[in-house]
Protein backbone atom coordinates (compact mmCIF):
# COMPACT_ATOMS: atom_id res chain seq x y z
CA MET A 1 92.04 -232.33 -18.95
CA ALA A 2 89.07 -234.71 -19.14
CA THR A 3 85.70 -233.72 -17.86
CA ARG A 4 82.71 -235.60 -16.55
CA ASP A 5 81.02 -235.14 -19.97
CA ASP A 6 84.03 -236.74 -21.68
CA VAL A 7 83.72 -239.73 -19.37
CA ALA A 8 79.96 -239.94 -20.10
CA ARG A 9 80.50 -239.95 -23.85
CA LEU A 10 83.11 -242.64 -23.71
CA ALA A 11 81.08 -244.86 -21.39
CA GLY A 12 77.88 -244.29 -23.34
CA VAL A 13 75.92 -242.96 -20.37
CA SER A 14 74.56 -239.63 -19.17
CA ALA A 15 76.70 -237.18 -17.15
CA SER A 16 74.41 -237.62 -14.19
CA THR A 17 75.10 -241.43 -14.25
CA VAL A 18 78.81 -240.64 -14.03
CA SER A 19 78.05 -238.55 -10.94
CA TYR A 20 76.02 -241.38 -9.43
CA ALA A 21 78.86 -243.84 -10.09
CA ILE A 22 81.27 -241.50 -8.25
CA SER A 23 79.03 -240.47 -5.37
CA GLY A 24 76.89 -243.52 -4.84
CA ARG A 25 73.80 -241.34 -4.40
CA ARG A 26 71.74 -243.59 -6.59
CA ARG A 27 71.95 -247.26 -7.47
CA ILE A 28 73.17 -248.11 -10.93
CA SER A 29 73.93 -251.54 -12.34
CA GLU A 30 77.37 -253.03 -11.74
CA ALA A 31 77.98 -253.28 -15.47
CA THR A 32 77.26 -249.57 -15.93
CA ARG A 33 79.46 -248.63 -12.98
CA GLU A 34 82.28 -250.66 -14.45
CA ARG A 35 81.92 -248.94 -17.85
CA VAL A 36 82.13 -245.58 -16.10
CA LEU A 37 85.21 -246.59 -14.05
CA GLU A 38 86.92 -247.97 -17.10
CA ALA A 39 86.21 -244.75 -19.01
CA MET A 40 87.63 -242.72 -16.06
CA ARG A 41 90.77 -244.81 -16.10
CA GLU A 42 91.21 -244.48 -19.82
CA LEU A 43 90.84 -240.71 -19.77
CA ASP A 44 92.79 -240.41 -16.54
CA TYR A 45 89.82 -238.52 -14.99
CA THR A 46 89.94 -237.84 -11.30
CA PRO A 47 86.88 -236.29 -9.64
CA ASN A 48 87.65 -233.60 -7.10
CA ALA A 49 87.33 -234.17 -3.39
CA PHE A 50 84.12 -232.21 -3.14
CA ALA A 51 82.44 -234.37 -5.78
CA ARG A 52 83.61 -237.52 -4.08
CA GLY A 53 82.12 -236.22 -0.84
CA LEU A 54 78.63 -236.04 -2.32
CA ALA A 55 78.00 -239.45 -0.97
CA GLY A 56 77.36 -237.72 2.33
CA ALA A 57 74.44 -235.79 0.86
CA ARG A 58 71.06 -237.46 1.16
CA LYS A 59 70.09 -236.68 -2.41
CA GLY A 60 72.41 -234.01 -3.86
CA ILE A 61 73.55 -230.48 -3.83
CA ILE A 62 72.09 -227.33 -5.45
CA ALA A 63 73.71 -223.90 -5.59
CA LEU A 64 72.35 -220.42 -5.01
CA ASN A 65 74.27 -217.99 -7.23
CA TYR A 66 74.15 -214.46 -5.81
CA PRO A 67 76.25 -211.62 -7.29
CA LEU A 68 78.53 -209.81 -4.86
CA ARG A 69 78.09 -206.11 -4.27
CA ASP A 70 80.22 -203.51 -2.49
CA GLU A 71 77.26 -202.71 -0.20
CA GLY A 72 77.03 -206.29 1.18
CA TRP A 73 73.83 -208.13 1.90
CA SER A 74 70.64 -206.67 3.37
CA PRO A 75 68.44 -208.39 5.98
CA MET A 76 65.97 -209.18 3.19
CA GLU A 77 68.64 -210.94 1.09
CA VAL A 78 69.75 -213.04 4.12
CA ARG A 79 66.23 -214.27 4.45
CA TYR A 80 66.39 -215.49 0.84
CA PHE A 81 69.51 -217.50 1.77
CA GLU A 82 67.88 -218.85 4.94
CA THR A 83 64.68 -219.89 3.15
CA ALA A 84 66.58 -221.51 0.28
CA THR A 85 68.68 -223.53 2.75
CA GLN A 86 65.62 -224.70 4.64
CA ALA A 87 63.65 -225.64 1.52
CA ALA A 88 66.63 -227.62 0.09
CA HIS A 89 67.07 -229.46 3.38
CA GLU A 90 63.38 -230.42 3.50
CA CYS A 91 63.83 -231.89 0.04
CA GLY A 92 66.88 -233.89 1.14
CA PHE A 93 69.41 -231.63 -0.67
CA HIS A 94 72.28 -229.46 0.52
CA LEU A 95 72.58 -225.80 -0.58
CA LEU A 96 75.86 -224.25 -1.68
CA LEU A 97 76.10 -220.47 -1.83
CA TRP A 98 78.03 -219.21 -4.88
CA PRO A 99 78.62 -215.45 -4.48
CA ASN A 100 80.42 -213.83 -7.39
CA ALA A 101 79.96 -210.77 -9.59
CA ALA A 102 77.17 -211.17 -12.13
CA ASP A 103 79.53 -210.26 -15.05
CA ASP A 104 82.37 -212.50 -13.79
CA VAL A 105 81.58 -215.25 -16.25
CA THR A 106 85.12 -216.57 -16.12
CA THR A 107 84.88 -217.55 -12.45
CA LEU A 108 81.42 -218.88 -12.89
CA THR A 109 82.51 -220.94 -15.90
CA HIS A 110 85.21 -222.51 -13.78
CA LEU A 111 82.75 -223.33 -11.04
CA VAL A 112 80.27 -224.83 -13.53
CA SER A 113 83.05 -226.89 -15.15
CA GLN A 114 83.78 -228.60 -11.85
CA GLN A 115 80.24 -230.07 -12.00
CA LEU A 116 79.84 -229.93 -8.28
CA VAL A 117 76.10 -229.34 -8.16
CA ASP A 118 72.92 -230.69 -9.68
CA GLY A 119 71.36 -227.32 -10.40
CA VAL A 120 71.51 -223.54 -9.74
CA ILE A 121 69.09 -220.92 -8.37
CA VAL A 122 70.04 -217.62 -10.07
CA MET A 123 69.41 -214.51 -8.00
CA GLU A 124 69.62 -210.78 -8.84
CA VAL A 125 68.86 -211.47 -12.48
CA GLN A 126 70.02 -208.79 -14.86
CA TRP A 127 68.14 -207.42 -17.87
CA ASP A 128 70.76 -209.06 -20.19
CA ASP A 129 72.21 -211.64 -17.83
CA PRO A 130 75.28 -213.50 -19.07
CA ARG A 131 74.63 -216.41 -16.71
CA VAL A 132 71.59 -217.51 -18.69
CA ALA A 133 73.56 -218.11 -21.85
CA LEU A 134 76.35 -219.78 -19.86
CA PHE A 135 74.07 -222.24 -18.13
CA ARG A 136 72.18 -223.02 -21.33
CA GLU A 137 75.49 -223.62 -23.16
CA ARG A 138 76.77 -225.95 -20.48
CA ASP A 139 73.45 -227.70 -20.03
CA VAL A 140 73.19 -226.78 -16.39
CA ARG A 141 69.75 -227.00 -14.79
CA PHE A 142 68.77 -223.57 -13.44
CA VAL A 143 65.81 -221.59 -12.11
CA LEU A 144 65.80 -217.82 -12.18
CA LEU A 145 64.73 -216.05 -9.06
CA GLY A 146 63.83 -213.01 -11.08
CA ARG A 147 63.61 -212.41 -14.87
CA ASN A 148 65.76 -211.14 -17.64
CA SER A 149 64.52 -209.03 -20.61
CA ASP A 150 63.27 -212.09 -22.48
CA PRO A 151 62.28 -214.93 -20.08
CA SER A 152 60.38 -216.94 -22.71
CA GLY A 153 61.37 -220.57 -22.52
CA LEU A 154 63.00 -220.10 -19.06
CA THR A 155 61.94 -221.32 -15.68
CA TYR A 156 61.54 -218.50 -13.25
CA VAL A 157 59.93 -217.24 -10.00
CA ASP A 158 59.67 -213.52 -9.54
CA THR A 159 57.87 -210.72 -7.74
CA ASP A 160 55.54 -208.82 -10.03
CA PHE A 161 57.40 -205.54 -9.67
CA ARG A 162 55.17 -203.81 -12.28
CA GLU A 163 52.21 -204.55 -10.07
CA SER A 164 54.11 -203.40 -7.03
CA ALA A 165 54.86 -200.09 -8.73
CA ARG A 166 51.24 -199.61 -9.73
CA THR A 167 50.05 -200.37 -6.21
CA ALA A 168 52.54 -197.94 -4.68
CA LEU A 169 51.53 -195.03 -6.95
CA GLU A 170 47.79 -195.75 -6.74
CA TYR A 171 48.05 -195.91 -2.95
CA LEU A 172 49.57 -192.44 -2.80
CA VAL A 173 47.21 -190.95 -5.45
CA ASP A 174 44.20 -192.29 -3.59
CA ARG A 175 45.41 -190.29 -0.57
CA GLY A 176 45.73 -187.11 -2.48
CA HIS A 177 49.44 -187.02 -3.39
CA ARG A 178 50.19 -185.44 -6.76
CA HIS A 179 53.88 -184.68 -6.52
CA ILE A 180 56.04 -187.72 -5.75
CA LEU A 181 59.73 -188.51 -5.56
CA PHE A 182 61.11 -191.95 -6.46
CA VAL A 183 64.35 -192.92 -4.76
CA GLY A 184 65.96 -195.98 -6.27
CA GLU A 185 69.33 -197.64 -6.84
CA ASN A 186 71.72 -196.61 -9.50
CA ARG A 187 71.46 -200.02 -11.21
CA VAL A 188 69.17 -199.23 -14.07
CA GLU A 189 72.15 -198.78 -16.43
CA GLN A 190 73.37 -202.19 -15.18
CA GLY A 191 70.04 -203.69 -16.25
CA HIS A 192 68.77 -204.63 -12.79
CA GLY A 193 65.44 -206.23 -13.64
CA PRO A 194 63.34 -205.19 -10.60
CA MET A 195 64.52 -201.56 -10.85
CA VAL A 196 63.93 -201.32 -14.60
CA ARG A 197 60.37 -202.77 -14.32
CA THR A 198 59.54 -200.58 -11.32
CA ILE A 199 60.73 -197.36 -12.96
CA THR A 200 59.04 -198.17 -16.22
CA GLU A 201 55.71 -198.82 -14.61
CA LEU A 202 55.92 -195.83 -12.22
CA GLU A 203 56.46 -193.48 -15.11
CA ALA A 204 53.58 -195.03 -17.11
CA SER A 205 51.26 -194.88 -14.05
CA ALA A 206 52.30 -191.26 -13.31
CA ARG A 207 51.30 -190.22 -16.85
CA ARG A 208 48.01 -192.16 -16.54
CA PHE A 209 47.15 -190.43 -13.27
CA GLY A 210 48.44 -187.01 -14.33
CA VAL A 211 50.87 -186.69 -11.37
CA SER A 212 54.46 -185.55 -11.37
CA LEU A 213 57.24 -188.02 -10.60
CA ASP A 214 60.74 -186.96 -9.89
CA ARG A 215 63.68 -189.38 -9.58
CA PHE A 216 66.85 -189.82 -7.55
CA ALA A 217 69.22 -192.75 -7.56
CA GLY A 218 72.36 -193.83 -5.75
CA PRO A 219 74.07 -196.90 -4.15
CA ARG A 220 72.29 -198.96 -1.54
CA THR A 221 73.55 -196.90 1.39
CA TYR A 222 72.13 -194.65 4.08
CA GLY A 223 74.04 -191.83 2.43
CA THR A 224 71.92 -192.10 -0.71
CA GLY A 225 68.80 -191.51 1.35
CA ARG A 226 70.35 -188.41 2.95
CA ALA A 227 71.50 -187.16 -0.39
CA ALA A 228 67.99 -187.76 -1.78
CA TYR A 229 66.46 -185.65 0.98
CA ARG A 230 69.02 -182.81 0.35
CA TYR A 231 68.07 -183.00 -3.35
CA LEU A 232 64.39 -182.67 -2.46
CA ALA A 233 64.92 -179.79 -0.06
CA ALA A 234 67.04 -177.90 -2.52
CA SER A 235 64.72 -178.45 -5.44
CA GLY A 236 61.80 -176.43 -4.01
CA ALA A 237 59.45 -178.90 -5.63
CA PRO A 238 56.00 -179.32 -3.92
CA ILE A 239 56.66 -183.01 -3.31
CA THR A 240 54.54 -184.52 -0.57
CA ALA A 241 55.47 -188.24 -0.78
CA ALA A 242 58.46 -190.48 -1.61
CA ILE A 243 58.53 -194.01 -2.91
CA VAL A 244 61.83 -195.54 -1.92
CA PHE A 245 63.14 -198.78 -3.50
CA ASN A 246 66.49 -198.98 -1.65
CA ASP A 247 66.41 -200.35 1.91
CA GLN A 248 69.26 -198.40 3.46
CA ALA A 249 68.26 -195.24 1.69
CA THR A 250 64.82 -195.46 3.20
CA VAL A 251 66.32 -195.09 6.69
CA GLY A 252 68.77 -192.35 5.58
CA PHE A 253 65.95 -190.43 3.87
CA ILE A 254 63.75 -190.38 6.95
CA ASN A 255 66.64 -189.56 9.27
CA ALA A 256 67.73 -186.60 7.16
CA ALA A 257 64.14 -185.29 6.87
CA GLN A 258 63.72 -185.42 10.66
CA LEU A 259 67.05 -183.63 11.22
CA GLY A 260 65.75 -180.95 8.85
CA GLY A 261 62.66 -180.46 10.99
CA ILE A 262 60.33 -182.38 8.68
CA SER A 263 57.79 -184.72 10.12
CA VAL A 264 57.10 -188.14 8.68
CA PRO A 265 54.22 -188.50 7.77
CA GLY A 266 52.99 -185.08 8.93
CA ASP A 267 54.95 -183.11 6.37
CA LEU A 268 56.28 -185.78 4.08
CA SER A 269 54.99 -189.36 3.40
CA VAL A 270 57.29 -192.33 2.78
CA LEU A 271 56.46 -195.72 1.24
CA SER A 272 59.06 -198.44 0.72
CA ILE A 273 59.14 -201.01 -1.99
CA GLY A 274 61.19 -204.02 -1.00
CA MET A 275 61.86 -203.43 2.66
CA GLY A 276 61.01 -206.36 4.93
CA GLU A 277 60.05 -206.72 8.58
CA GLU A 278 62.80 -204.36 9.62
CA ALA A 279 60.58 -201.56 8.34
CA ALA A 280 58.58 -201.92 11.58
CA GLU A 281 61.71 -200.96 13.56
CA VAL A 282 62.23 -197.64 11.84
CA ASP A 283 61.09 -194.52 13.59
CA PRO A 284 58.37 -194.05 12.41
CA PRO A 285 57.52 -197.50 11.08
CA VAL A 286 57.40 -197.53 7.34
CA THR A 287 54.48 -198.67 5.10
CA THR A 288 55.91 -201.25 2.67
CA ILE A 289 55.25 -203.27 -0.39
CA THR A 290 57.28 -206.39 0.51
CA PRO A 291 58.20 -209.31 -1.79
CA PRO A 292 56.98 -212.63 -0.39
CA VAL A 293 60.56 -213.85 0.18
CA ALA A 294 59.67 -217.29 1.78
CA ALA A 295 57.12 -218.19 -0.90
CA LEU A 296 59.40 -216.99 -3.81
CA THR A 297 62.49 -218.86 -2.59
CA ASP A 298 60.70 -222.05 -1.51
CA THR A 299 58.98 -222.29 -4.90
CA ALA A 300 62.17 -221.74 -6.86
CA VAL A 301 64.05 -224.39 -4.87
CA ARG A 302 61.29 -226.98 -5.31
CA MET A 303 60.99 -226.25 -8.97
CA LEU A 304 64.69 -226.81 -9.43
CA ILE A 305 64.75 -229.99 -7.39
CA GLY A 306 61.83 -231.26 -9.23
CA ALA A 307 63.73 -230.78 -12.51
CA VAL A 308 66.78 -232.51 -10.97
CA GLU A 309 64.68 -235.51 -9.90
CA GLY A 310 63.01 -235.70 -13.32
CA HIS A 311 59.47 -234.73 -12.26
CA PRO A 312 57.19 -233.30 -15.00
CA VAL A 313 57.09 -229.54 -15.05
CA THR A 314 53.60 -228.29 -14.09
CA GLN A 315 54.43 -224.55 -14.14
CA SER A 316 57.63 -222.88 -15.39
CA GLU A 317 56.64 -219.17 -14.99
CA VAL A 318 55.55 -217.93 -11.53
CA LEU A 319 54.81 -214.31 -10.75
CA MET A 320 53.82 -213.38 -7.20
CA ASP A 321 52.24 -210.17 -5.85
CA ALA A 322 53.92 -208.29 -3.03
CA PRO A 323 51.46 -207.34 -0.29
CA LEU A 324 51.14 -203.81 0.99
CA VAL A 325 51.61 -203.51 4.72
CA GLU A 326 50.37 -200.23 6.30
CA ARG A 327 52.42 -198.86 9.21
CA GLY A 328 51.33 -195.23 9.26
CA SER A 329 54.14 -193.47 7.29
CA VAL A 330 51.74 -192.15 4.61
CA ARG A 331 49.49 -189.20 5.34
CA ASP A 332 46.06 -188.88 3.84
CA LEU A 333 45.73 -185.48 2.14
CA THR A 334 42.14 -185.88 0.92
């Protein structure tokens, strides 16, 4: 079956020009349009209904590719979607959400082959992410909202999770904590970039400061937090603080501690990496190091749209710090 690229080669134009001839989003000469239409007729190429409907978009359509997970989406992730939609709209583009498993390259290849969108924002980037190779091979414009193991030559926007980890540990150490538990997600073996970078830096910083760091991991569920507290209680370790990089587990951990007669922060301090404004609604409110969701997503969308519209790239690698917001869940032991 003929593709848009086949039509472009036969007509002697770019693939984007074929799209413009179909959608009418940009003006092209009548002679060029006729060459494209003739090539379509010769190859018996029929654009799908969605592509024909692009004429209704002011400028075009970009996609946000987010891997599905059994635990669903957190409030933080929903804010990524909302911000991306708003940023795209302000630039005159529509946003299409493509949720599928990160390793489901077959489905993603099918979606890419339909050539429905002008570019893709890639979320939840894995250490060795197969989507990077796919998009490069298919010449799809994309911006990573995150980083893989080797982001050289790629365009990305990401939270500096190494800096977040350093900030978290230094914050606790400065307040006298020397025995710390890290509760994360069991996605290190899957190569989840933020978790890998956070753990690597926490372990390095713990060695540098001479403090003990224990670890517990599980799915992104309240049950993981409860299990982490039971692990802590059974260990007998003199742990005085926990860093939790797992939104739901943060709530489950605090709840289990309170049910066990432990006061937060009186007996046990808790600091969250990644939790958003909902941390203020927890009892007690949780001190957080929170990624700047709006700034990250807005920047990624505008970088992608700039590439789609042919603007010169001024910066292709953007790292942002996550601010620490104190809410009183960490006790000062000094």
